[in-house]
């Protein structure tokens, strides 16, 4: 049963999510074929979209979805080599609502990211 406090997606949000999905697909495809340098700018663009999408979801009462988009943004930043931004977003996601198994995965991603940052 849907949460009565949850509002539907806005047109702008739907458009942003669609564009972000296109960018993520391109970034993943380029990474898969070994063109990581070209994919880097796409990872950063996708991360930027995710960072804008998350608070829009918060406003709509969709906090769990917002947390997932913060995780995605962090992952994109990590793939682009922007580790401190990734750490900040992993921590932000952990401060919000998450399922227990997802929380454990994010804690592991954060830990790995911190180890890489310390190098």
N, C-alpha and C. Protein backbone atom coordinates (compact mmCIF):
# COMPACT_ATOMS: atom_id res chain seq x y z
N UNK A 1 0.83 -1.18 0.00
CA UNK A 1 0.00 0.00 0.00
C UNK A 1 0.88 1.24 0.00
N UNK A 2 0.62 2.20 -0.90
CA UNK A 2 1.45 3.39 -0.99
C UNK A 2 1.33 4.26 0.27
N UNK A 3 2.39 4.96 0.55
CA UNK A 3 2.41 5.88 1.67
C UNK A 3 1.55 7.09 1.33
N UNK A 4 0.57 7.44 2.18
CA UNK A 4 -0.32 8.56 1.86
C UNK A 4 0.39 9.91 1.84
N UNK A 5 1.57 10.00 2.45
CA UNK A 5 2.34 11.24 2.45
C UNK A 5 3.16 11.41 1.18
N UNK A 6 3.24 10.36 0.38
CA UNK A 6 4.04 10.38 -0.84
C UNK A 6 3.28 11.07 -1.96
N UNK A 7 3.96 11.99 -2.62
CA UNK A 7 3.35 12.71 -3.74
C UNK A 7 3.90 12.13 -5.05
N UNK A 8 3.14 12.26 -6.15
CA UNK A 8 3.61 11.74 -7.43
C UNK A 8 4.80 12.54 -7.97
N UNK A 9 5.55 11.90 -8.86
CA UNK A 9 6.67 12.57 -9.51
C UNK A 9 6.17 13.77 -10.31
N UNK A 10 6.96 14.82 -10.32
CA UNK A 10 6.65 15.97 -11.16
C UNK A 10 7.16 15.70 -12.57
N UNK A 11 6.70 16.47 -13.52
CA UNK A 11 7.17 16.34 -14.90
C UNK A 11 8.67 16.59 -14.98
N UNK A 12 9.13 17.62 -14.29
CA UNK A 12 10.56 17.94 -14.29
C UNK A 12 11.38 16.79 -13.73
N UNK A 13 10.91 16.21 -12.65
CA UNK A 13 11.62 15.09 -12.03
C UNK A 13 11.68 13.90 -12.98
N UNK A 14 10.57 13.59 -13.63
CA UNK A 14 10.56 12.48 -14.60
C UNK A 14 11.56 12.73 -15.71
N UNK A 15 11.62 13.96 -16.21
CA UNK A 15 12.55 14.29 -17.28
C UNK A 15 14.00 14.16 -16.82
N UNK A 16 14.27 14.63 -15.60
CA UNK A 16 15.62 14.51 -15.06
C UNK A 16 16.03 13.05 -14.87
N UNK A 17 15.10 12.25 -14.39
CA UNK A 17 15.40 10.83 -14.17
C UNK A 17 15.65 10.11 -15.50
N UNK A 18 14.90 10.48 -16.51
CA UNK A 18 15.08 9.89 -17.83
C UNK A 18 16.45 10.26 -18.41
N UNK A 19 16.79 11.53 -18.33
CA UNK A 19 18.07 11.99 -18.86
C UNK A 19 19.23 11.34 -18.11
N UNK A 20 19.09 11.26 -16.78
CA UNK A 20 20.13 10.64 -15.96
C UNK A 20 20.32 9.18 -16.35
N UNK A 21 19.23 8.48 -16.61
CA UNK A 21 19.32 7.07 -17.01
C UNK A 21 20.06 6.91 -18.34
N UNK A 22 19.80 7.80 -19.27
CA UNK A 22 20.51 7.77 -20.55
C UNK A 22 22.01 7.96 -20.34
N UNK A 23 22.36 8.93 -19.52
CA UNK A 23 23.77 9.22 -19.26
C UNK A 23 24.43 8.04 -18.55
N UNK A 24 23.76 7.47 -17.57
CA UNK A 24 24.32 6.31 -16.86
C UNK A 24 24.57 5.14 -17.82
N UNK A 25 23.63 4.91 -18.72
CA UNK A 25 23.79 3.82 -19.69
C UNK A 25 25.00 4.04 -20.58
N UNK A 26 25.17 5.27 -21.03
CA UNK A 26 26.33 5.59 -21.89
C UNK A 26 27.63 5.44 -21.11
N UNK A 27 27.65 5.93 -19.89
CA UNK A 27 28.86 5.83 -19.07
C UNK A 27 29.23 4.36 -18.83
N UNK A 28 28.24 3.55 -18.52
CA UNK A 28 28.50 2.13 -18.28
C UNK A 28 29.00 1.44 -19.55
N UNK A 29 28.37 1.77 -20.68
CA UNK A 29 28.79 1.16 -21.96
C UNK A 29 30.23 1.53 -22.30
N UNK A 30 30.58 2.79 -22.13
CA UNK A 30 31.95 3.22 -22.42
C UNK A 30 32.94 2.57 -21.46
N UNK A 31 32.58 2.45 -20.22
CA UNK A 31 33.45 1.78 -19.25
C UNK A 31 33.62 0.30 -19.59
N UNK A 32 32.53 -0.32 -20.02
CA UNK A 32 32.58 -1.75 -20.36
C UNK A 32 33.50 -2.04 -21.53
N UNK A 33 33.62 -1.10 -22.45
CA UNK A 33 34.49 -1.33 -23.61
C UNK A 33 35.88 -0.73 -23.42
N UNK A 34 36.15 -0.23 -22.21
CA UNK A 34 37.49 0.23 -21.88
C UNK A 34 37.80 1.68 -22.21
N UNK A 35 36.80 2.47 -22.41
CA UNK A 35 37.02 3.89 -22.71
C UNK A 35 36.69 4.70 -21.45
N UNK A 36 37.43 4.43 -20.40
CA UNK A 36 37.15 5.00 -19.09
C UNK A 36 37.31 6.51 -19.05
N UNK A 37 38.30 7.03 -19.77
CA UNK A 37 38.52 8.48 -19.74
C UNK A 37 37.32 9.24 -20.31
N UNK A 38 36.74 8.72 -21.36
CA UNK A 38 35.56 9.35 -21.95
C UNK A 38 34.36 9.18 -21.02
N UNK A 39 34.29 8.06 -20.37
CA UNK A 39 33.16 7.78 -19.46
C UNK A 39 33.20 8.68 -18.23
N UNK A 40 34.38 9.15 -17.84
CA UNK A 40 34.51 9.94 -16.62
C UNK A 40 33.59 11.15 -16.60
N UNK A 41 33.53 11.89 -17.69
CA UNK A 41 32.67 13.08 -17.70
C UNK A 41 31.19 12.69 -17.62
N UNK A 42 30.85 11.54 -18.17
CA UNK A 42 29.47 11.07 -18.07
C UNK A 42 29.13 10.63 -16.65
N UNK A 43 30.07 9.99 -15.97
CA UNK A 43 29.85 9.61 -14.56
C UNK A 43 29.60 10.87 -13.74
N UNK A 44 30.39 11.92 -14.00
CA UNK A 44 30.22 13.17 -13.25
C UNK A 44 28.87 13.82 -13.55
N UNK A 45 28.46 13.76 -14.79
CA UNK A 45 27.16 14.33 -15.17
C UNK A 45 26.02 13.55 -14.51
N UNK A 46 26.12 12.24 -14.52
CA UNK A 46 25.09 11.41 -13.88
C UNK A 46 25.04 11.69 -12.38
N UNK A 47 26.21 11.84 -11.76
CA UNK A 47 26.26 12.13 -10.33
C UNK A 47 25.57 13.46 -10.03
N UNK A 48 25.80 14.44 -10.88
CA UNK A 48 25.17 15.75 -10.70
C UNK A 48 23.64 15.63 -10.77
N UNK A 49 23.16 14.89 -11.76
CA UNK A 49 21.71 14.66 -11.86
C UNK A 49 21.18 13.99 -10.60
N UNK A 50 21.87 12.94 -10.15
CA UNK A 50 21.43 12.20 -8.96
C UNK A 50 21.38 13.11 -7.74
N UNK A 51 22.38 14.00 -7.61
CA UNK A 51 22.40 14.92 -6.48
C UNK A 51 21.22 15.89 -6.51
N UNK A 52 20.78 16.25 -7.69
CA UNK A 52 19.62 17.14 -7.81
C UNK A 52 18.29 16.39 -7.64
N UNK A 53 18.27 15.16 -8.08
CA UNK A 53 17.06 14.34 -7.98
C UNK A 53 16.73 14.00 -6.52
N UNK A 54 17.75 13.66 -5.74
CA UNK A 54 17.52 13.20 -4.36
C UNK A 54 16.71 14.19 -3.51
N UNK A 55 17.07 15.46 -3.45
CA UNK A 55 16.25 16.36 -2.62
C UNK A 55 14.85 16.60 -3.18
N UNK A 56 14.72 16.49 -4.51
CA UNK A 56 13.38 16.62 -5.09
C UNK A 56 12.49 15.47 -4.61
N UNK A 57 13.07 14.29 -4.46
CA UNK A 57 12.33 13.15 -3.94
C UNK A 57 12.00 13.33 -2.46
N UNK A 58 12.94 13.92 -1.72
CA UNK A 58 12.67 14.22 -0.31
C UNK A 58 11.43 15.10 -0.17
N UNK A 59 11.33 16.12 -1.01
CA UNK A 59 10.20 17.05 -0.97
C UNK A 59 8.88 16.32 -1.24
N UNK A 60 8.95 15.28 -2.06
CA UNK A 60 7.74 14.51 -2.40
C UNK A 60 7.42 13.43 -1.36
N UNK A 61 8.20 13.39 -0.28
CA UNK A 61 7.96 12.38 0.75
C UNK A 61 8.51 11.02 0.39
N UNK A 62 9.45 10.97 -0.53
CA UNK A 62 10.03 9.72 -1.01
C UNK A 62 11.48 9.59 -0.51
N UNK A 63 11.63 9.58 0.81
CA UNK A 63 12.96 9.60 1.41
C UNK A 63 13.80 8.37 1.08
N UNK A 64 13.17 7.20 1.05
CA UNK A 64 13.92 5.98 0.73
C UNK A 64 14.48 6.06 -0.69
N UNK A 65 13.66 6.49 -1.64
CA UNK A 65 14.13 6.67 -3.01
C UNK A 65 15.24 7.71 -3.08
N UNK A 66 15.10 8.78 -2.30
CA UNK A 66 16.12 9.82 -2.28
C UNK A 66 17.46 9.24 -1.81
N UNK A 67 17.41 8.39 -0.80
CA UNK A 67 18.64 7.75 -0.31
C UNK A 67 19.30 6.90 -1.40
N UNK A 68 18.49 6.20 -2.16
CA UNK A 68 19.03 5.36 -3.24
C UNK A 68 19.71 6.21 -4.31
N UNK A 69 19.13 7.37 -4.59
CA UNK A 69 19.74 8.27 -5.58
C UNK A 69 21.04 8.87 -5.04
N UNK A 70 21.12 9.09 -3.74
CA UNK A 70 22.38 9.56 -3.15
C UNK A 70 23.45 8.48 -3.26
N UNK A 71 23.06 7.23 -3.07
CA UNK A 71 24.00 6.12 -3.23
C UNK A 71 24.49 6.07 -4.68
N UNK A 72 23.57 6.22 -5.61
CA UNK A 72 23.95 6.21 -7.02
C UNK A 72 24.90 7.37 -7.34
N UNK A 73 24.61 8.55 -6.82
CA UNK A 73 25.50 9.69 -7.04
C UNK A 73 26.89 9.39 -6.49
N UNK A 74 26.94 8.83 -5.29
CA UNK A 74 28.23 8.50 -4.67
C UNK A 74 28.99 7.50 -5.53
N UNK A 75 28.30 6.50 -6.02
CA UNK A 75 28.93 5.49 -6.87
C UNK A 75 29.47 6.11 -8.16
N UNK A 76 28.72 7.02 -8.73
CA UNK A 76 29.17 7.70 -9.95
C UNK A 76 30.42 8.53 -9.67
N UNK A 77 30.40 9.27 -8.56
CA UNK A 77 31.59 10.05 -8.20
C UNK A 77 32.79 9.14 -7.96
N UNK A 78 32.55 8.01 -7.33
CA UNK A 78 33.64 7.07 -7.08
C UNK A 78 34.22 6.57 -8.41
N UNK A 79 33.37 6.23 -9.35
CA UNK A 79 33.83 5.75 -10.65
C UNK A 79 34.58 6.83 -11.42
N UNK A 80 34.27 8.10 -11.14
CA UNK A 80 34.95 9.21 -11.80
C UNK A 80 36.22 9.62 -11.05
N UNK A 81 36.50 8.96 -9.93
CA UNK A 81 37.69 9.26 -9.16
C UNK A 81 37.53 10.41 -8.17
N UNK A 82 36.32 10.87 -7.97
CA UNK A 82 36.05 11.96 -7.02
C UNK A 82 35.65 11.34 -5.67
N UNK A 83 36.65 10.82 -4.98
CA UNK A 83 36.41 10.01 -3.79
C UNK A 83 35.84 10.79 -2.61
N UNK A 84 36.29 12.03 -2.39
CA UNK A 84 35.74 12.76 -1.24
C UNK A 84 34.28 13.09 -1.42
N UNK A 85 33.86 13.38 -2.65
CA UNK A 85 32.43 13.60 -2.89
C UNK A 85 31.65 12.30 -2.69
N UNK A 86 32.24 11.19 -3.11
CA UNK A 86 31.60 9.89 -2.93
C UNK A 86 31.41 9.60 -1.44
N UNK A 87 32.44 9.83 -0.64
CA UNK A 87 32.36 9.59 0.80
C UNK A 87 31.24 10.41 1.41
N UNK A 88 31.18 11.68 1.06
CA UNK A 88 30.13 12.56 1.63
C UNK A 88 28.73 12.05 1.28
N UNK A 89 28.54 11.60 0.07
CA UNK A 89 27.21 11.12 -0.33
C UNK A 89 26.88 9.75 0.26
N UNK A 90 27.87 8.88 0.39
CA UNK A 90 27.61 7.61 1.07
C UNK A 90 27.16 7.89 2.51
N UNK A 91 27.84 8.82 3.16
CA UNK A 91 27.46 9.17 4.54
C UNK A 91 26.06 9.78 4.59
N UNK A 92 25.75 10.63 3.62
CA UNK A 92 24.42 11.24 3.56
C UNK A 92 23.35 10.16 3.39
N UNK A 93 23.63 9.19 2.53
CA UNK A 93 22.67 8.10 2.31
C UNK A 93 22.47 7.30 3.58
N UNK A 94 23.55 7.06 4.31
CA UNK A 94 23.46 6.29 5.55
C UNK A 94 22.67 7.03 6.63
N UNK A 95 22.56 8.33 6.53
CA UNK A 95 21.80 9.08 7.53
C UNK A 95 20.29 9.03 7.26
N UNK A 96 19.93 8.54 6.08
CA UNK A 96 18.52 8.43 5.73
C UNK A 96 17.99 7.02 5.90
N UNK A 97 16.74 6.82 5.51
CA UNK A 97 16.15 5.48 5.64
C UNK A 97 16.72 4.52 4.58
N UNK A 98 17.08 3.34 5.02
CA UNK A 98 17.57 2.28 4.12
C UNK A 98 17.15 0.93 4.69
N UNK A 99 16.97 -0.04 3.80
CA UNK A 99 16.76 -1.41 4.28
C UNK A 99 18.06 -1.88 4.91
N UNK A 100 17.97 -2.84 5.81
CA UNK A 100 19.16 -3.31 6.53
C UNK A 100 20.23 -3.84 5.59
N UNK A 101 19.85 -4.63 4.58
CA UNK A 101 20.84 -5.18 3.67
C UNK A 101 21.50 -4.08 2.83
N UNK A 102 20.72 -3.09 2.44
CA UNK A 102 21.26 -1.97 1.67
C UNK A 102 22.21 -1.15 2.54
N UNK A 103 21.82 -0.94 3.79
CA UNK A 103 22.68 -0.19 4.71
C UNK A 103 24.05 -0.87 4.84
N UNK A 104 24.05 -2.19 4.95
CA UNK A 104 25.32 -2.92 5.07
C UNK A 104 26.15 -2.76 3.80
N UNK A 105 25.52 -2.84 2.64
CA UNK A 105 26.24 -2.66 1.37
C UNK A 105 26.85 -1.26 1.28
N UNK A 106 26.09 -0.25 1.68
CA UNK A 106 26.59 1.13 1.62
C UNK A 106 27.73 1.32 2.61
N UNK A 107 27.63 0.72 3.78
CA UNK A 107 28.73 0.81 4.74
C UNK A 107 29.99 0.18 4.16
N UNK A 108 29.85 -0.92 3.42
CA UNK A 108 30.99 -1.56 2.77
C UNK A 108 31.56 -0.66 1.66
N UNK A 109 30.67 -0.04 0.87
CA UNK A 109 31.13 0.87 -0.19
C UNK A 109 31.86 2.06 0.41
N UNK A 110 31.33 2.60 1.50
CA UNK A 110 31.97 3.72 2.17
C UNK A 110 33.35 3.32 2.68
N UNK A 111 33.44 2.17 3.30
CA UNK A 111 34.71 1.68 3.82
C UNK A 111 35.75 1.53 2.71
N UNK A 112 35.35 0.94 1.59
CA UNK A 112 36.26 0.77 0.46
C UNK A 112 36.71 2.12 -0.10
N UNK A 113 35.79 3.04 -0.15
CA UNK A 113 36.08 4.36 -0.67
C UNK A 113 37.07 5.10 0.27
N UNK A 114 36.87 4.96 1.57
CA UNK A 114 37.78 5.59 2.52
C UNK A 114 39.20 5.00 2.42
N UNK A 115 39.27 3.69 2.22
CA UNK A 115 40.58 3.05 2.06
C UNK A 115 41.27 3.60 0.81
N UNK A 116 40.53 3.70 -0.28
CA UNK A 116 41.09 4.24 -1.52
C UNK A 116 41.50 5.71 -1.35
N UNK A 117 40.72 6.46 -0.62
CA UNK A 117 41.03 7.88 -0.39
C UNK A 117 42.30 8.03 0.45
N UNK A 118 42.53 7.10 1.37
CA UNK A 118 43.70 7.18 2.24
C UNK A 118 45.00 6.88 1.51
N UNK A 119 44.90 6.26 0.35
CA UNK A 119 46.12 5.91 -0.41
C UNK A 119 46.80 7.10 -0.95
